[in-house]
Structures are given as C-alpha cells and as structure tokens.
C-alpha cells in the first residue's frame, strides 16, 4: 500500500453496506476474495485523501478516471463481506449535489463550469451502459442524517476512546434484515403521526436503497471524521440512535411531548458540530 500523509480528513459520516462474497458475480467475487486476504488495506481516511488530491491539479479532476478496486472488509459469523468503494460512481453523484451546498462563485472557483459539464456528460454516457449501478456507501458532511439512526439500535453501538496511535471511533453495525425491519416499523409510526416531512422522505429513500442488496448483508453507520469535531466526553455520551428510537416510539403512542424532548436532545447534541461548520 502506498504511503499516505498522516493528515486527518474529517467532517464526514458514512452509511455502508457489506455484502457477502456470494452476492458478487465472477470474476469480481474472486477479486474480493483475494483482496480480503491482504494483511493491509486502506482506511476511509485514505479514500478521502485520494479524492481530495484529485482536486489539486489544474484543471481539477472531480471524478476519478478509473473505478477503484478497493473495498472495506468485515467478517460476519465467519462469512467474508465486502463494501466496494466505487469512488467513481460516488464522485459523480456527489458532484450532482454540489449546487445546493456551495454558493455559485465558490463552486465555480473550486470546479469550473466546463469541468462540471464534462463530468456530467461522462456520467450520462456511463449510466446508459450501467443503468442498475448503485453505491455501497452513502456519506454526509457535518452531521449524521436522522433517518440513518432508525436503522440501528443503541445496543449495537460500538464506541472506542482515542488511544495513543488512533482517534476515537463510534459506529453501529446491524444485520440487513434488522435494518429493513426497523425502516418498515419506523415508517409506519411516522406516517401515522405525521402527514409528511424530511424524516419520512429520507427513510423512504434509504429503505429503497437497502432493498437493492443481499439479505445477509451487514449495515454499518460510522461517525467517520465527525469524531474529530466532538469532545471525547460528548462522544461517550452520544446515544443518538436511542433518542431517535425514543422519539419515534413516543409518536407511535401519541406522546407529542415525549417526541419533542427526544428531538431537543438531538438538536442540542449536534449544535456543536453545526457551529464548527459555520466557522469553516
């Protein structure tokens, strides 16, 4: 593996799906089987650094020229599961979201219009040949979307304090069948209590995405670089999945006050992160 900078690239969270090797056709299955046996594999920070390094040339390269052959690997009950990076596809999709995230002068300075137009044309051409393509990874900057927390349970929370050579880690992992079941239950409770709203729309979207994967997959919610925006005691006390579950259960019971209290805890917890975003 090539040597990379020790610079930490923060501020993004991730929702990942790890599929068993049986879900992949040959020859891709063989590639991932061999890949999983490697002693060293790149991390999510390496993935981010590579993406950011493509923005340094003039003109910048917003989308990798070639698709990545890297992946994240997990073993579930002895079964090897992989989560392909698919950085090229995700780069195209992220490019399409930039219009709503950056002011036009800033966007034009970072990625000139001619570069964006060419990338959009390349994506359209590629998508015509790969109409069923979908990413195994979703990312969000400066927050964790509330609908992601619906997929997991507080007892699946895995927190590790920072060590001498490693930053803190906060993530949840759950079987796909559990994630889908929670989506269905959450949507039922929300639709009965609310006519519409961003939480319902987001949960519908992520539920459709999950249906595209093998039923024996693993779903992972990873705070990623967001751990660098929160103090360790804040991370230790962060039980956002429990608050979301409590809020949905309160709505199911018609307890508007209880739902509001759970939501208030979430807002207060993430205020520090939003303040950092505005400062940057």
Foldseek 3Di string as FASTA:
>chain_A
DDDDDPDADFFKWKKFKWAFLVQDDPPLSVLVVVVVPDPDADDVRVVVVVQVVQLPDVNGQQADPDFDSGWDWDADPNTITTFGQRRRVVSLVVLVVVPVVDDVVVCCVSHNPVNSVVSPVVVVVVCVVVVPDDHRMDMDGLDDPLLVLLQFALVQWDWDPADPPGHIWIKGKDQLVSSLVSLVVLLVLCVVQDVDDPSNVVSVVVNVVSVVGDNRMMIMIINGRCSVQDDRVLVVPDRLSHLSVQLSVCSSVVNPVRNVVSVVVVCVSSVSSVVVVVVD
